Amino acid sequence: MASAPPRSILPLVLSFNAGFVDTAGFLALQGLFTAHVTGNFVTLGASLALGTSGAIAKLLALPVFCAVVIATRWLGTLLSHHAAHPFTPLLALKVLLLIAGSAMAVHFGPFHDGDSWQAISTGMVLVAAMAIQNAVHRVHLSSAPPSTLMTGTTTQVMLDIADVIYPREGAQVQTARLSQMATNVVVFAVGCGAAALLFARFGVSCFVVPPVVGALALIIRLVEAPKADS
């Protein structure tokens, strides 16, 4: 069951936050991807080859991500027995983790050693928050493009653009899908750019943004929930 109406802005807010958290985490935590965790395989190789710090966090990111996704699935199943819809409490849990991760980043940062316990702890809390977002998006916003992984979405956008320019015989171009996916990619990129600019200007203080945007997403969900669940 999709948990948002077709024109909900919630997926876009989630995409912006994912781009922001991923970029801010990468810049502050010695190249750690907090949302696109498989990218850490590349940065782990770079850390080992160049002798830079952060290898431990990059090794931990994927198993932590996987464990949190499994726990989110179990928690969602448990909540479904006691609540009309588990999406809202899971989204609230993600916001709490963003608050904790952001507070840790501001308190402990800047992180000159990516292998310090402060950097690793902060990174794993943010990874856990993004794992919950990935899981709930996959389950409850399945009709919307992914909010964190843009490669597949970008590929589909390019295929649709190719079909608009030179239609295949018998093919029907889905302009609504093209518009939705292209907007999603742009919003994610805006989140990345905003994080880079704010980090350059304010350093780790830029981490105050993700909890605010996360709270906005939760408010949007609460407003849209009566229509989405009806």
Protein backbone atom coordinates (compact mmCIF):
# COMPACT_ATOMS: atom_id res chain seq x y z
CA MET A 1 0.00 0.00 0.00
CA ALA A 2 1.39 3.40 -0.96
CA SER A 3 1.20 5.77 1.97
CA ALA A 4 1.12 9.06 0.14
CA PRO A 5 -1.22 10.55 -2.39
CA PRO A 6 0.10 10.78 -5.97
CA ARG A 7 1.11 14.43 -5.64
CA SER A 8 2.55 14.28 -2.16
CA ILE A 9 5.64 16.39 -1.61
CA LEU A 10 6.84 14.02 1.11
CA PRO A 11 9.13 11.98 -1.21
CA LEU A 12 10.77 15.21 -2.37
CA VAL A 13 11.42 16.36 1.19
CA LEU A 14 12.93 12.96 1.96
CA SER A 15 15.12 13.18 -1.15
CA PHE A 16 16.41 16.62 -0.18
CA ASN A 17 17.27 15.37 3.30
CA ALA A 18 18.99 12.27 1.95
CA GLY A 19 21.16 14.36 -0.35
CA PHE A 20 21.98 16.74 2.49
CA VAL A 21 22.81 14.05 5.06
CA ASP A 22 24.89 12.03 2.58
CA THR A 23 26.95 15.03 1.48
CA ALA A 24 27.38 16.50 4.96
CA GLY A 25 28.39 13.09 6.29
CA PHE A 26 30.87 12.59 3.47
CA LEU A 27 32.49 15.95 4.09
CA ALA A 28 32.53 15.79 7.89
CA LEU A 29 33.25 12.09 8.46
CA GLN A 30 36.24 11.50 6.21
CA GLY A 31 34.36 10.26 3.16
CA LEU A 32 31.62 8.21 4.85
CA PHE A 33 28.41 7.75 2.86
CA THR A 34 25.51 7.63 5.33
CA ALA A 35 22.67 7.08 2.85
CA HIS A 36 24.28 5.48 -0.21
CA VAL A 37 26.17 2.97 1.93
CA THR A 38 27.42 0.74 -0.90
CA GLY A 39 29.49 3.70 -2.06
CA ASN A 40 31.62 3.10 1.01
CA PHE A 41 33.23 0.14 -0.76
CA VAL A 42 34.89 2.65 -3.09
CA THR A 43 35.92 5.07 -0.34
CA LEU A 44 37.13 2.15 1.79
CA GLY A 45 39.47 1.13 -1.01
CA ALA A 46 40.66 4.70 -1.29
CA SER A 47 41.26 4.89 2.47
CA LEU A 48 43.31 1.69 2.44
CA ALA A 49 45.29 2.73 -0.63
CA LEU A 50 45.99 6.29 0.49
CA GLY A 51 46.33 5.57 4.20
CA THR A 52 43.60 8.01 5.20
CA SER A 53 41.34 7.55 8.22
CA GLY A 54 37.75 6.35 8.28
CA ALA A 55 38.21 2.73 7.18
CA ILE A 56 36.53 1.30 10.29
CA ALA A 57 33.37 3.37 9.84
CA LYS A 58 33.18 2.40 6.18
CA LEU A 59 33.49 -1.27 7.09
CA LEU A 60 30.73 -0.95 9.68
CA ALA A 61 28.33 1.11 7.57
CA LEU A 62 26.86 -1.72 5.48
CA PRO A 63 26.26 -4.26 8.31
CA VAL A 64 24.78 -1.49 10.49
CA PHE A 65 22.57 -0.39 7.61
CA CYS A 66 21.40 -3.96 6.96
CA ALA A 67 20.73 -4.65 10.65
CA VAL A 68 18.65 -1.48 10.99
CA VAL A 69 16.63 -2.27 7.86
CA ILE A 70 15.81 -5.72 9.30
CA ALA A 71 14.93 -4.18 12.67
CA THR A 72 12.74 -1.59 10.93
CA ARG A 73 10.86 -4.34 9.13
CA TRP A 74 10.28 -6.22 12.39
CA LEU A 75 9.29 -3.06 14.24
CA GLY A 76 6.91 -2.10 11.45
CA THR A 77 5.26 -5.52 11.65
CA LEU A 78 4.93 -5.18 15.42
CA LEU A 79 3.50 -1.67 15.18
CA SER A 80 0.98 -2.76 12.57
CA HIS A 81 -0.70 -4.86 15.26
CA HIS A 82 -1.16 -1.85 17.53
CA ALA A 83 -1.54 1.13 15.18
CA ALA A 84 -3.47 1.90 12.03
CA HIS A 85 -0.25 2.51 10.12
CA PRO A 86 3.38 2.06 11.21
CA PHE A 87 4.78 4.63 8.76
CA THR A 88 4.33 7.65 11.03
CA PRO A 89 6.03 6.24 14.17
CA LEU A 90 8.90 4.89 12.06
CA LEU A 91 9.34 8.30 10.47
CA ALA A 92 9.34 9.83 13.95
CA LEU A 93 12.05 7.36 15.03
CA LYS A 94 14.16 8.46 12.07
CA VAL A 95 13.79 12.09 13.16
CA LEU A 96 14.95 11.19 16.67
CA LEU A 97 18.04 9.51 15.24
CA LEU A 98 18.73 12.55 13.07
CA ILE A 99 18.50 14.75 16.16
CA ALA A 100 20.93 12.48 18.02
CA GLY A 101 23.35 12.25 15.10
CA SER A 102 23.26 15.98 14.47
CA ALA A 103 23.83 16.76 18.15
CA MET A 104 26.81 14.39 18.20
CA ALA A 105 28.24 15.94 15.04
CA VAL A 106 28.01 19.46 16.44
CA HIS A 107 29.31 18.42 19.87
CA PHE A 108 32.18 16.16 18.82
CA GLY A 109 33.11 17.67 15.46
CA PRO A 110 35.04 18.62 13.50
CA PHE A 111 36.31 15.09 12.93
CA HIS A 112 39.96 15.05 11.96
CA ASP A 113 40.24 11.32 12.65
CA GLY A 114 37.55 9.26 10.96
CA ASP A 115 38.49 6.23 13.07
CA SER A 116 37.86 7.93 16.42
CA TRP A 117 34.98 6.55 18.44
CA GLN A 118 33.23 9.92 18.24
CA ALA A 119 33.31 9.92 14.43
CA ILE A 120 32.31 6.27 14.16
CA SER A 121 29.42 6.66 16.63
CA THR A 122 28.14 9.77 14.89
CA GLY A 123 28.38 8.12 11.49
CA MET A 124 26.55 4.96 12.56
CA VAL A 125 23.69 6.94 14.10
CA LEU A 126 23.26 8.81 10.81
CA VAL A 127 23.54 5.55 8.86
CA ALA A 128 20.79 4.09 11.07
CA ALA A 129 18.55 7.10 10.38
CA MET A 130 19.03 6.76 6.64
CA ALA A 131 18.47 3.00 6.83
CA ILE A 132 15.05 3.64 8.35
CA GLN A 133 14.28 6.14 5.61
CA ASN A 134 15.29 3.65 2.94
CA ALA A 135 13.17 0.92 4.48
CA VAL A 136 10.00 2.95 5.03
CA HIS A 137 10.26 4.53 1.60
CA ARG A 138 10.56 1.13 -0.02
CA VAL A 139 7.57 -0.24 1.89
CA HIS A 140 5.23 2.72 2.28
CA LEU A 141 6.14 4.99 -0.64
CA SER A 142 6.74 2.30 -3.22
CA SER A 143 5.04 4.27 -6.00
CA ALA A 144 7.51 7.16 -5.59
CA PRO A 145 11.11 7.14 -6.90
CA PRO A 146 13.75 6.16 -4.31
CA SER A 147 14.83 9.05 -2.11
CA THR A 148 18.48 8.04 -1.70
CA LEU A 149 19.68 5.96 -4.68
CA MET A 150 19.68 8.15 -7.77
CA THR A 151 21.53 5.96 -10.28
CA GLY A 152 18.54 3.85 -11.27
CA THR A 153 16.25 6.88 -11.29
CA THR A 154 18.65 8.85 -13.48
CA THR A 155 18.94 5.90 -15.88
CA GLN A 156 15.16 5.75 -16.25
CA VAL A 157 14.97 9.51 -16.76
CA MET A 158 17.50 9.29 -19.59
CA LEU A 159 15.63 6.37 -21.18
CA ASP A 160 12.37 8.33 -21.05
CA ILE A 161 14.04 11.41 -22.53
CA ALA A 162 15.43 9.26 -25.35
CA ASP A 163 11.91 7.97 -26.04
CA VAL A 164 10.53 11.52 -26.05
CA ILE A 165 13.15 12.64 -28.59
CA TYR A 166 12.93 9.52 -30.74
CA PRO A 167 9.91 7.37 -29.78
CA ARG A 168 10.18 3.64 -30.18
CA GLU A 169 7.56 2.01 -32.35
CA GLY A 170 4.54 1.09 -30.26
CA ALA A 171 6.07 2.62 -27.10
CA GLN A 172 4.12 5.06 -24.95
CA VAL A 173 6.21 7.68 -23.21
CA GLN A 174 5.19 8.10 -19.56
CA THR A 175 5.61 11.84 -19.19
CA ALA A 176 4.22 11.83 -15.64
CA ARG A 177 6.88 9.34 -14.55
CA LEU A 178 9.57 11.34 -16.34
CA SER A 179 8.53 14.54 -14.57
CA GLN A 180 8.35 12.88 -11.17
CA MET A 181 11.71 11.15 -11.43
CA ALA A 182 13.50 14.16 -12.89
CA THR A 183 12.16 16.35 -10.07
CA ASN A 184 13.34 13.79 -7.53
CA VAL A 185 16.89 13.81 -8.91
CA VAL A 186 17.00 17.61 -8.99
CA VAL A 187 15.77 17.90 -5.38
CA PHE A 188 18.36 15.35 -4.22
CA ALA A 189 21.06 17.34 -6.03
CA VAL A 190 19.82 20.56 -4.39
CA GLY A 191 20.16 18.84 -1.00
CA CYS A 192 23.73 17.86 -1.86
CA GLY A 193 24.58 21.38 -2.96
CA ALA A 194 22.99 22.95 0.11
CA ALA A 195 25.01 20.66 2.39
CA ALA A 196 28.25 21.49 0.60
CA LEU A 197 27.63 25.23 0.78
CA LEU A 198 26.58 25.19 4.43
CA PHE A 199 29.44 22.92 5.44
CA ALA A 200 31.93 25.23 3.73
CA ARG A 201 30.42 28.20 5.57
CA PHE A 202 29.49 26.76 8.97
CA GLY A 203 31.33 23.43 9.28
CA VAL A 204 29.63 20.73 11.36
CA SER A 205 26.97 23.22 12.46
CA CYS A 206 25.28 22.47 9.14
CA PHE A 207 24.01 19.26 10.75
CA VAL A 208 21.23 21.24 12.43
CA VAL A 209 19.41 21.18 9.08
CA PRO A 210 18.57 17.44 8.73
CA PRO A 211 16.47 17.21 11.94
CA VAL A 212 14.53 20.31 10.90
CA VAL A 213 13.83 18.89 7.45
CA GLY A 214 13.04 15.52 9.02
CA ALA A 215 10.52 17.18 11.33
CA LEU A 216 9.00 18.91 8.31
CA ALA A 217 8.62 15.54 6.59
CA LEU A 218 6.92 14.16 9.70
CA ILE A 219 4.50 17.11 9.79
CA ILE A 220 3.68 16.57 6.12
CA ARG A 221 3.01 12.91 6.84
CA LEU A 222 0.71 13.77 9.76
CA VAL A 223 -1.22 16.23 7.57
CA GLU A 224 -1.52 13.81 4.67
CA ALA A 225 -2.14 10.67 6.73
CA PRO A 226 -5.94 10.94 6.94
CA LYS A 227 -6.20 11.04 3.14
CA ALA A 228 -3.43 8.52 2.53
CA ASP A 229 -4.83 5.91 4.92
CA SER A 230 -8.48 6.35 3.98
